[in-house]
Amino acid sequence: YCAARISVFVRELARRMGGSQVGTVGVTRLVPNLVNVI
C-alpha cells in the first residue's frame, strides 16, 4: 500500500509542479508477492 501511495504521489507531484518536471516509478517489487498475503 505504501509503495502504491508513493507512486501516486510522484505522479501528482510532477503534475502540480508543471513545467519540465517529470516523475516515474519504474520498478515495483513486493515480497512475498502473493495474492492473499499482505
ModelCIF file with pLDDT and N, C-alpha, C, O atoms, coordinates in Angstrom:
data_MODEL
#
_entry.id   MODEL 
#
_entity.id                         1 
_entity.type                       polymer 
_entity.pdbx_number_of_molecules   1 
#
_entity_poly.entity_id                      1 
_entity_poly.type                           'polypeptide(L)' 
_entity_poly.nstd_linkage                   no 
_entity_poly.nstd_monomer                   no 
_entity_poly.pdbx_seq_one_letter_code       YCAARISVFVRELARRMGGSQVGTVGVTRLVPNLVNVI 
_entity_poly.pdbx_seq_one_letter_code_can   YCAARISVFVRELARRMGGSQVGTVGVTRLVPNLVNVI 
_entity_poly.pdbx_strand_id                 A 
#
loop_
_entity_poly_seq.entity_id 
_entity_poly_seq.num 
_entity_poly_seq.mon_id 
_entity_poly_seq.hetero 
1 1  TYR n 
1 2  CYS n 
1 3  ALA n 
1 4  ALA n 
1 5  ARG n 
1 6  ILE n 
1 7  SER n 
1 8  VAL n 
1 9  PHE n 
1 10 VAL n 
1 11 ARG n 
1 12 GLU n 
1 13 LEU n 
1 14 ALA n 
1 15 ARG n 
1 16 ARG n 
1 17 MET n 
1 18 GLY n 
1 19 GLY n 
1 20 SER n 
1 21 GLN n 
1 22 VAL n 
1 23 GLY n 
1 24 THR n 
1 25 VAL n 
1 26 GLY n 
1 27 VAL n 
1 28 THR n 
1 29 ARG n 
1 30 LEU n 
1 31 VAL n 
1 32 PRO n 
1 33 ASN n 
1 34 LEU n 
1 35 VAL n 
1 36 ASN n 
1 37 VAL n 
1 38 ILE n 
#
_struct_asym.id          A 
_struct_asym.entity_id   1 
#
loop_
_ma_qa_metric.id 
_ma_qa_metric.mode 
_ma_qa_metric.name 
_ma_qa_metric.software_group_id 
_ma_qa_metric.type 
1 global pLDDT . pLDDT 
2 local  pLDDT . pLDDT 
#
_ma_qa_metric_global.metric_id      1 
_ma_qa_metric_global.metric_value   97.32 
_ma_qa_metric_global.model_id       1 
_ma_qa_metric_global.ordinal_id     1 
#
loop_
_ma_qa_metric_local.label_asym_id 
_ma_qa_metric_local.label_comp_id 
_ma_qa_metric_local.label_seq_id 
_ma_qa_metric_local.metric_id 
_ma_qa_metric_local.metric_value 
_ma_qa_metric_local.model_id 
_ma_qa_metric_local.ordinal_id 
A TYR 1  2 98.00 1 1  
A CYS 2  2 98.00 1 2  
A ALA 3  2 98.00 1 3  
A ALA 4  2 98.00 1 4  
A ARG 5  2 98.00 1 5  
A ILE 6  2 98.00 1 6  
A SER 7  2 98.00 1 7  
A VAL 8  2 98.00 1 8  
A PHE 9  2 98.00 1 9  
A VAL 10 2 98.00 1 10 
A ARG 11 2 98.00 1 11 
A GLU 12 2 98.00 1 12 
A LEU 13 2 98.00 1 13 
A ALA 14 2 98.00 1 14 
A ARG 15 2 98.00 1 15 
A ARG 16 2 98.00 1 16 
A MET 17 2 98.00 1 17 
A GLY 18 2 96.00 1 18 
A GLY 19 2 93.00 1 19 
A SER 20 2 92.00 1 20 
A GLN 21 2 96.00 1 21 
A VAL 22 2 97.00 1 22 
A GLY 23 2 98.00 1 23 
A THR 24 2 97.00 1 24 
A VAL 25 2 98.00 1 25 
A GLY 26 2 94.00 1 26 
A VAL 27 2 96.00 1 27 
A THR 28 2 97.00 1 28 
A ARG 29 2 98.00 1 29 
A LEU 30 2 98.00 1 30 
A VAL 31 2 98.00 1 31 
A PRO 32 2 98.00 1 32 
A ASN 33 2 97.00 1 33 
A LEU 34 2 98.00 1 34 
A VAL 35 2 97.00 1 35 
A ASN 36 2 98.00 1 36 
A VAL 37 2 98.00 1 37 
A ILE 38 2 98.00 1 38 
#
loop_
_atom_site.group_PDB 
_atom_site.id 
_atom_site.type_symbol 
_atom_site.label_atom_id 
_atom_site.label_alt_id 
_atom_site.label_comp_id 
_atom_site.label_asym_id 
_atom_site.label_entity_id 
_atom_site.label_seq_id 
_atom_site.pdbx_PDB_ins_code 
_atom_site.Cartn_x 
_atom_site.Cartn_y 
_atom_site.Cartn_z 
_atom_site.occupancy 
_atom_site.B_iso_or_equiv 
_atom_site.pdbx_formal_charge 
_atom_site.auth_seq_id 
_atom_site.auth_comp_id 
_atom_site.auth_asym_id 
_atom_site.auth_atom_id 
_atom_site.pdbx_PDB_model_num 
ATOM 1   N N  . TYR A 1 1  ? 0.833  -1.201  0.000   1.00 98.00 ? 1  TYR A N  1 
ATOM 2   C CA . TYR A 1 1  ? 0.000  0.000   0.000   1.00 98.00 ? 1  TYR A CA 1 
ATOM 3   C C  . TYR A 1 1  ? 0.872  1.257   0.000   1.00 98.00 ? 1  TYR A C  1 
ATOM 4   O O  . TYR A 1 1  ? 0.595  2.204   -0.736  1.00 98.00 ? 1  TYR A O  1 
ATOM 5   N N  . CYS A 1 2  ? 1.909  1.268   0.812   1.00 98.00 ? 2  CYS A N  1 
ATOM 6   C CA . CYS A 1 2  ? 2.789  2.435   0.871   1.00 98.00 ? 2  CYS A CA 1 
ATOM 7   C C  . CYS A 1 2  ? 3.490  2.664   -0.464  1.00 98.00 ? 2  CYS A C  1 
ATOM 8   O O  . CYS A 1 2  ? 3.662  3.805   -0.893  1.00 98.00 ? 2  CYS A O  1 
ATOM 9   N N  . ALA A 1 3  ? 3.888  1.588   -1.111  1.00 98.00 ? 3  ALA A N  1 
ATOM 10  C CA . ALA A 1 3  ? 4.514  1.721   -2.430  1.00 98.00 ? 3  ALA A CA 1 
ATOM 11  C C  . ALA A 1 3  ? 3.542  2.353   -3.420  1.00 98.00 ? 3  ALA A C  1 
ATOM 12  O O  . ALA A 1 3  ? 3.925  3.212   -4.214  1.00 98.00 ? 3  ALA A O  1 
ATOM 13  N N  . ALA A 1 4  ? 2.282  1.921   -3.367  1.00 98.00 ? 4  ALA A N  1 
ATOM 14  C CA . ALA A 1 4  ? 1.281  2.483   -4.269  1.00 98.00 ? 4  ALA A CA 1 
ATOM 15  C C  . ALA A 1 4  ? 1.033  3.959   -3.976  1.00 98.00 ? 4  ALA A C  1 
ATOM 16  O O  . ALA A 1 4  ? 0.904  4.764   -4.898  1.00 98.00 ? 4  ALA A O  1 
ATOM 17  N N  . ARG A 1 5  ? 0.967  4.318   -2.684  1.00 98.00 ? 5  ARG A N  1 
ATOM 18  C CA . ARG A 1 5  ? 0.766  5.722   -2.311  1.00 98.00 ? 5  ARG A CA 1 
ATOM 19  C C  . ARG A 1 5  ? 1.909  6.595   -2.827  1.00 98.00 ? 5  ARG A C  1 
ATOM 20  O O  . ARG A 1 5  ? 1.681  7.697   -3.326  1.00 98.00 ? 5  ARG A O  1 
ATOM 21  N N  . ILE A 1 6  ? 3.131  6.098   -2.703  1.00 98.00 ? 6  ILE A N  1 
ATOM 22  C CA . ILE A 1 6  ? 4.286  6.867   -3.177  1.00 98.00 ? 6  ILE A CA 1 
ATOM 23  C C  . ILE A 1 6  ? 4.246  7.002   -4.689  1.00 98.00 ? 6  ILE A C  1 
ATOM 24  O O  . ILE A 1 6  ? 4.580  8.060   -5.224  1.00 98.00 ? 6  ILE A O  1 
ATOM 25  N N  . SER A 1 7  ? 3.846  5.953   -5.383  1.00 98.00 ? 7  SER A N  1 
ATOM 26  C CA . SER A 1 7  ? 3.739  6.018   -6.840  1.00 98.00 ? 7  SER A CA 1 
ATOM 27  C C  . SER A 1 7  ? 2.747  7.092   -7.276  1.00 98.00 ? 7  SER A C  1 
ATOM 28  O O  . SER A 1 7  ? 3.017  7.860   -8.199  1.00 98.00 ? 7  SER A O  1 
ATOM 29  N N  . VAL A 1 8  ? 1.610  7.137   -6.613  1.00 98.00 ? 8  VAL A N  1 
ATOM 30  C CA . VAL A 1 8  ? 0.604  8.158   -6.935  1.00 98.00 ? 8  VAL A CA 1 
ATOM 31  C C  . VAL A 1 8  ? 1.141  9.546   -6.594  1.00 98.00 ? 8  VAL A C  1 
ATOM 32  O O  . VAL A 1 8  ? 0.935  10.496  -7.348  1.00 98.00 ? 8  VAL A O  1 
ATOM 33  N N  . PHE A 1 9  ? 1.825  9.661   -5.464  1.00 98.00 ? 9  PHE A N  1 
ATOM 34  C CA . PHE A 1 9  ? 2.382  10.954  -5.071  1.00 98.00 ? 9  PHE A CA 1 
ATOM 35  C C  . PHE A 1 9  ? 3.361  11.491  -6.112  1.00 98.00 ? 9  PHE A C  1 
ATOM 36  O O  . PHE A 1 9  ? 3.332  12.679  -6.434  1.00 98.00 ? 9  PHE A O  1 
ATOM 37  N N  . VAL A 1 10 ? 4.229  10.624  -6.640  1.00 98.00 ? 10 VAL A N  1 
ATOM 38  C CA . VAL A 1 10 ? 5.217  11.053  -7.639  1.00 98.00 ? 10 VAL A CA 1 
ATOM 39  C C  . VAL A 1 10 ? 4.515  11.606  -8.877  1.00 98.00 ? 10 VAL A C  1 
ATOM 40  O O  . VAL A 1 10 ? 4.928  12.625  -9.429  1.00 98.00 ? 10 VAL A O  1 
ATOM 41  N N  . ARG A 1 11 ? 3.468  10.938  -9.303  1.00 98.00 ? 11 ARG A N  1 
ATOM 42  C CA . ARG A 1 11 ? 2.697  11.404  -10.462 1.00 98.00 ? 11 ARG A CA 1 
ATOM 43  C C  . ARG A 1 11 ? 2.054  12.761  -10.178 1.00 98.00 ? 11 ARG A C  1 
ATOM 44  O O  . ARG A 1 11 ? 2.133  13.678  -10.996 1.00 98.00 ? 11 ARG A O  1 
ATOM 45  N N  . GLU A 1 12 ? 1.422  12.880  -9.019  1.00 98.00 ? 12 GLU A N  1 
ATOM 46  C CA . GLU A 1 12 ? 0.739  14.128  -8.683  1.00 98.00 ? 12 GLU A CA 1 
ATOM 47  C C  . GLU A 1 12 ? 1.740  15.265  -8.468  1.00 98.00 ? 12 GLU A C  1 
ATOM 48  O O  . GLU A 1 12 ? 1.446  16.414  -8.799  1.00 98.00 ? 12 GLU A O  1 
ATOM 49  N N  . LEU A 1 13 ? 2.906  14.961  -7.924  1.00 98.00 ? 13 LEU A N  1 
ATOM 50  C CA . LEU A 1 13 ? 3.942  15.962  -7.729  1.00 98.00 ? 13 LEU A CA 1 
ATOM 51  C C  . LEU A 1 13 ? 4.371  16.570  -9.059  1.00 98.00 ? 13 LEU A C  1 
ATOM 52  O O  . LEU A 1 13 ? 4.477  17.789  -9.185  1.00 98.00 ? 13 LEU A O  1 
ATOM 53  N N  . ALA A 1 14 ? 4.614  15.722  -10.041 1.00 98.00 ? 14 ALA A N  1 
ATOM 54  C CA . ALA A 1 14 ? 5.043  16.206  -11.354 1.00 98.00 ? 14 ALA A CA 1 
ATOM 55  C C  . ALA A 1 14 ? 3.956  17.062  -12.001 1.00 98.00 ? 14 ALA A C  1 
ATOM 56  O O  . ALA A 1 14 ? 4.255  18.102  -12.587 1.00 98.00 ? 14 ALA A O  1 
ATOM 57  N N  . ARG A 1 15 ? 2.715  16.638  -11.901 1.00 98.00 ? 15 ARG A N  1 
ATOM 58  C CA . ARG A 1 15 ? 1.612  17.418  -12.480 1.00 98.00 ? 15 ARG A CA 1 
ATOM 59  C C  . ARG A 1 15 ? 1.459  18.768  -11.784 1.00 98.00 ? 15 ARG A C  1 
ATOM 60  O O  . ARG A 1 15 ? 1.224  19.785  -12.436 1.00 98.00 ? 15 ARG A O  1 
ATOM 61  N N  . ARG A 1 16 ? 1.592  18.774  -10.471 1.00 98.00 ? 16 ARG A N  1 
ATOM 62  C CA . ARG A 1 16 ? 1.424  20.008  -9.710  1.00 98.00 ? 16 ARG A CA 1 
ATOM 63  C C  . ARG A 1 16 ? 2.552  20.998  -9.998  1.00 98.00 ? 16 ARG A C  1 
ATOM 64  O O  . ARG A 1 16 ? 2.298  22.193  -10.146 1.00 98.00 ? 16 ARG A O  1 
ATOM 65  N N  . MET A 1 17 ? 3.786  20.517  -10.078 1.00 98.00 ? 17 MET A N  1 
ATOM 66  C CA . MET A 1 17 ? 4.913  21.406  -10.337 1.00 98.00 ? 17 MET A CA 1 
ATOM 67  C C  . MET A 1 17 ? 4.896  21.929  -11.765 1.00 98.00 ? 17 MET A C  1 
ATOM 68  O O  . MET A 1 17 ? 5.276  23.073  -12.011 1.00 98.00 ? 17 MET A O  1 
ATOM 69  N N  . GLY A 1 18 ? 4.454  21.093  -12.717 1.00 96.00 ? 18 GLY A N  1 
ATOM 70  C CA . GLY A 1 18 ? 4.363  21.514  -14.109 1.00 96.00 ? 18 GLY A CA 1 
ATOM 71  C C  . GLY A 1 18 ? 5.728  21.804  -14.712 1.00 96.00 ? 18 GLY A C  1 
ATOM 72  O O  . GLY A 1 18 ? 6.744  21.278  -14.257 1.00 96.00 ? 18 GLY A O  1 
ATOM 73  N N  . GLY A 1 19 ? 5.743  22.652  -15.746 1.00 93.00 ? 19 GLY A N  1 
ATOM 74  C CA . GLY A 1 19 ? 6.989  22.972  -16.424 1.00 93.00 ? 19 GLY A CA 1 
ATOM 75  C C  . GLY A 1 19 ? 7.643  21.725  -16.982 1.00 93.00 ? 19 GLY A C  1 
ATOM 76  O O  . GLY A 1 19 ? 6.987  20.899  -17.615 1.00 93.00 ? 19 GLY A O  1 
ATOM 77  N N  . SER A 1 20 ? 8.947  21.591  -16.745 1.00 92.00 ? 20 SER A N  1 
ATOM 78  C CA . SER A 1 20 ? 9.665  20.427  -17.263 1.00 92.00 ? 20 SER A CA 1 
ATOM 79  C C  . SER A 1 20 ? 9.719  19.276  -16.269 1.00 92.00 ? 20 SER A C  1 
ATOM 80  O O  . SER A 1 20 ? 10.333 18.246  -16.547 1.00 92.00 ? 20 SER A O  1 
ATOM 81  N N  . GLN A 1 21 ? 9.084  19.438  -15.115 1.00 96.00 ? 21 GLN A N  1 
ATOM 82  C CA . GLN A 1 21 ? 9.167  18.398  -14.087 1.00 96.00 ? 21 GLN A CA 1 
ATOM 83  C C  . GLN A 1 21 ? 8.455  17.128  -14.541 1.00 96.00 ? 21 GLN A C  1 
ATOM 84  O O  . GLN A 1 21 ? 7.310  17.172  -14.990 1.00 96.00 ? 21 GLN A O  1 
ATOM 85  N N  . VAL A 1 22 ? 9.145  16.002  -14.420 1.00 97.00 ? 22 VAL A N  1 
ATOM 86  C CA . VAL A 1 22 ? 8.541  14.693  -14.674 1.00 97.00 ? 22 VAL A CA 1 
ATOM 87  C C  . VAL A 1 22 ? 8.928  13.761  -13.532 1.00 97.00 ? 22 VAL A C  1 
ATOM 88  O O  . VAL A 1 22 ? 9.919  13.991  -12.840 1.00 97.00 ? 22 VAL A O  1 
ATOM 89  N N  . GLY A 1 23 ? 8.135  12.709  -13.344 1.00 98.00 ? 23 GLY A N  1 
ATOM 90  C CA . GLY A 1 23 ? 8.405  11.743  -12.287 1.00 98.00 ? 23 GLY A CA 1 
ATOM 91  C C  . GLY A 1 23 ? 7.901  10.372  -12.679 1.00 98.00 ? 23 GLY A C  1 
ATOM 92  O O  . GLY A 1 23 ? 6.839  10.239  -13.288 1.00 98.00 ? 23 GLY A O  1 
ATOM 93  N N  . THR A 1 24 ? 8.669  9.350   -12.326 1.00 97.00 ? 24 THR A N  1 
ATOM 94  C CA . THR A 1 24 ? 8.338  7.983   -12.732 1.00 97.00 ? 24 THR A CA 1 
ATOM 95  C C  . THR A 1 24 ? 8.710  7.004   -11.628 1.00 97.00 ? 24 THR A C  1 
ATOM 96  O O  . THR A 1 24 ? 9.800  7.086   -11.061 1.00 97.00 ? 24 THR A O  1 
ATOM 97  N N  . VAL A 1 25 ? 7.810  6.085   -11.323 1.00 98.00 ? 25 VAL A N  1 
ATOM 98  C CA . VAL A 1 25 ? 8.147  4.902   -10.538 1.00 98.00 ? 25 VAL A CA 1 
ATOM 99  C C  . VAL A 1 25 ? 8.270  3.755   -11.532 1.00 98.00 ? 25 VAL A C  1 
ATOM 100 O O  . VAL A 1 25 ? 7.276  3.253   -12.056 1.00 98.00 ? 25 VAL A O  1 
ATOM 101 N N  . GLY A 1 26 ? 9.514  3.353   -11.779 1.00 94.00 ? 26 GLY A N  1 
ATOM 102 C CA . GLY A 1 26 ? 9.758  2.389   -12.854 1.00 94.00 ? 26 GLY A CA 1 
ATOM 103 C C  . GLY A 1 26 ? 9.850  0.950   -12.409 1.00 94.00 ? 26 GLY A C  1 
ATOM 104 O O  . GLY A 1 26 ? 9.615  0.042   -13.206 1.00 94.00 ? 26 GLY A O  1 
ATOM 105 N N  . VAL A 1 27 ? 10.189 0.719   -11.143 1.00 96.00 ? 27 VAL A N  1 
ATOM 106 C CA . VAL A 1 27 ? 10.335 -0.640  -10.618 1.00 96.00 ? 27 VAL A CA 1 
ATOM 107 C C  . VAL A 1 27 ? 9.489  -0.764  -9.355  1.00 96.00 ? 27 VAL A C  1 
ATOM 108 O O  . VAL A 1 27 ? 9.538  0.098   -8.477  1.00 96.00 ? 27 VAL A O  1 
ATOM 109 N N  . THR A 1 28 ? 8.711  -1.844  -9.269  1.00 97.00 ? 28 THR A N  1 
ATOM 110 C CA . THR A 1 28 ? 7.990  -2.178  -8.040  1.00 97.00 ? 28 THR A CA 1 
ATOM 111 C C  . THR A 1 28 ? 8.118  -3.680  -7.805  1.00 97.00 ? 28 THR A C  1 
ATOM 112 O O  . THR A 1 28 ? 7.713  -4.485  -8.644  1.00 97.00 ? 28 THR A O  1 
ATOM 113 N N  . ARG A 1 29 ? 8.682  -4.049  -6.664  1.00 98.00 ? 29 ARG A N  1 
ATOM 114 C CA . ARG A 1 29 ? 8.817  -5.470  -6.315  1.00 98.00 ? 29 ARG A CA 1 
ATOM 115 C C  . ARG A 1 29 ? 8.261  -5.681  -4.917  1.00 98.00 ? 29 ARG A C  1 
ATOM 116 O O  . ARG A 1 29 ? 8.646  -4.990  -3.974  1.00 98.00 ? 29 ARG A O  1 
ATOM 117 N N  . LEU A 1 30 ? 7.350  -6.642  -4.790  1.00 98.00 ? 30 LEU A N  1 
ATOM 118 C CA . LEU A 1 30 ? 6.729  -6.941  -3.497  1.00 98.00 ? 30 LEU A CA 1 
ATOM 119 C C  . LEU A 1 30 ? 7.194  -8.298  -2.992  1.00 98.00 ? 30 LEU A C  1 
ATOM 120 O O  . LEU A 1 30 ? 7.439  -9.220  -3.769  1.00 98.00 ? 30 LEU A O  1 
ATOM 121 N N  . VAL A 1 31 ? 7.310  -8.398  -1.674  1.00 98.00 ? 31 VAL A N  1 
ATOM 122 C CA . VAL A 1 31 ? 7.649  -9.662  -1.007  1.00 98.00 ? 31 VAL A CA 1 
ATOM 123 C C  . VAL A 1 31 ? 6.593  -9.890  0.073   1.00 98.00 ? 31 VAL A C  1 
ATOM 124 O O  . VAL A 1 31 ? 6.385  -9.009  0.906   1.00 98.00 ? 31 VAL A O  1 
ATOM 125 N N  . PRO A 1 32 ? 5.915  -11.053 0.088   1.00 98.00 ? 32 PRO A N  1 
ATOM 126 C CA . PRO A 1 32 ? 6.170  -12.252 -0.715  1.00 98.00 ? 32 PRO A CA 1 
ATOM 127 C C  . PRO A 1 32 ? 5.494  -12.280 -2.087  1.00 98.00 ? 32 PRO A C  1 
ATOM 128 O O  . PRO A 1 32 ? 5.624  -13.275 -2.799  1.00 98.00 ? 32 PRO A O  1 
ATOM 129 N N  . ASN A 1 33 ? 4.785  -11.236 -2.478  1.00 97.00 ? 33 ASN A N  1 
ATOM 130 C CA . ASN A 1 33 ? 4.189  -11.167 -3.817  1.00 97.00 ? 33 ASN A CA 1 
ATOM 131 C C  . ASN A 1 33 ? 3.146  -12.273 -4.042  1.00 97.00 ? 33 ASN A C  1 
ATOM 132 O O  . ASN A 1 33 ? 3.164  -12.964 -5.061  1.00 97.00 ? 33 ASN A O  1 
ATOM 133 N N  . LEU A 1 34 ? 2.252  -12.421 -3.082  1.00 98.00 ? 34 LEU A N  1 
ATOM 134 C CA . LEU A 1 34 ? 1.205  -13.439 -3.140  1.00 98.00 ? 34 LEU A CA 1 
ATOM 135 C C  . LEU A 1 34 ? -0.162 -12.769 -3.060  1.00 98.00 ? 34 LEU A C  1 
ATOM 136 O O  . LEU A 1 34 ? -0.309 -11.728 -2.420  1.00 98.00 ? 34 LEU A O  1 
ATOM 137 N N  . VAL A 1 35 ? -1.154 -13.361 -3.702  1.00 97.00 ? 35 VAL A N  1 
ATOM 138 C CA . VAL A 1 35 ? -2.457 -12.717 -3.827  1.00 97.00 ? 35 VAL A CA 1 
ATOM 139 C C  . VAL A 1 35 ? -3.156 -12.552 -2.487  1.00 97.00 ? 35 VAL A C  1 
ATOM 140 O O  . VAL A 1 35 ? -3.932 -11.613 -2.312  1.00 97.00 ? 35 VAL A O  1 
ATOM 141 N N  . ASN A 1 36 ? -2.897 -13.449 -1.535  1.00 98.00 ? 36 ASN A N  1 
ATOM 142 C CA . ASN A 1 36 ? -3.647 -13.418 -0.264  1.00 98.00 ? 36 ASN A CA 1 
ATOM 143 C C  . ASN A 1 36 ? -2.768 -13.112 0.946   1.00 98.00 ? 36 ASN A C  1 
ATOM 144 O O  . ASN A 1 36 ? -3.104 -13.469 2.075   1.00 98.00 ? 36 ASN A O  1 
ATOM 145 N N  . VAL A 1 37 ? -1.626 -12.440 0.695   1.00 98.00 ? 37 VAL A N  1 
ATOM 146 C CA . VAL A 1 37 ? -0.719 -12.089 1.795   1.00 98.00 ? 37 VAL A CA 1 
ATOM 147 C C  . VAL A 1 37 ? -0.366 -10.607 1.701   1.00 98.00 ? 37 VAL A C  1 
ATOM 148 O O  . VAL A 1 37 ? 0.012  -10.118 0.637   1.00 98.00 ? 37 VAL A O  1 
ATOM 149 N N  . ILE A 1 38 ? -0.490 -9.903  2.813   1.00 98.00 ? 38 ILE A N  1 
ATOM 150 C CA . ILE A 1 38 ? -0.060 -8.505  2.878   1.00 98.00 ? 38 ILE A CA 1 
ATOM 151 C C  . ILE A 1 38 ? 1.459  -8.460  2.707   1.00 98.00 ? 38 ILE A C  1 
ATOM 152 O O  . ILE A 1 38 ? 2.051  -7.380  2.726   1.00 98.00 ? 38 ILE A O  1 
#
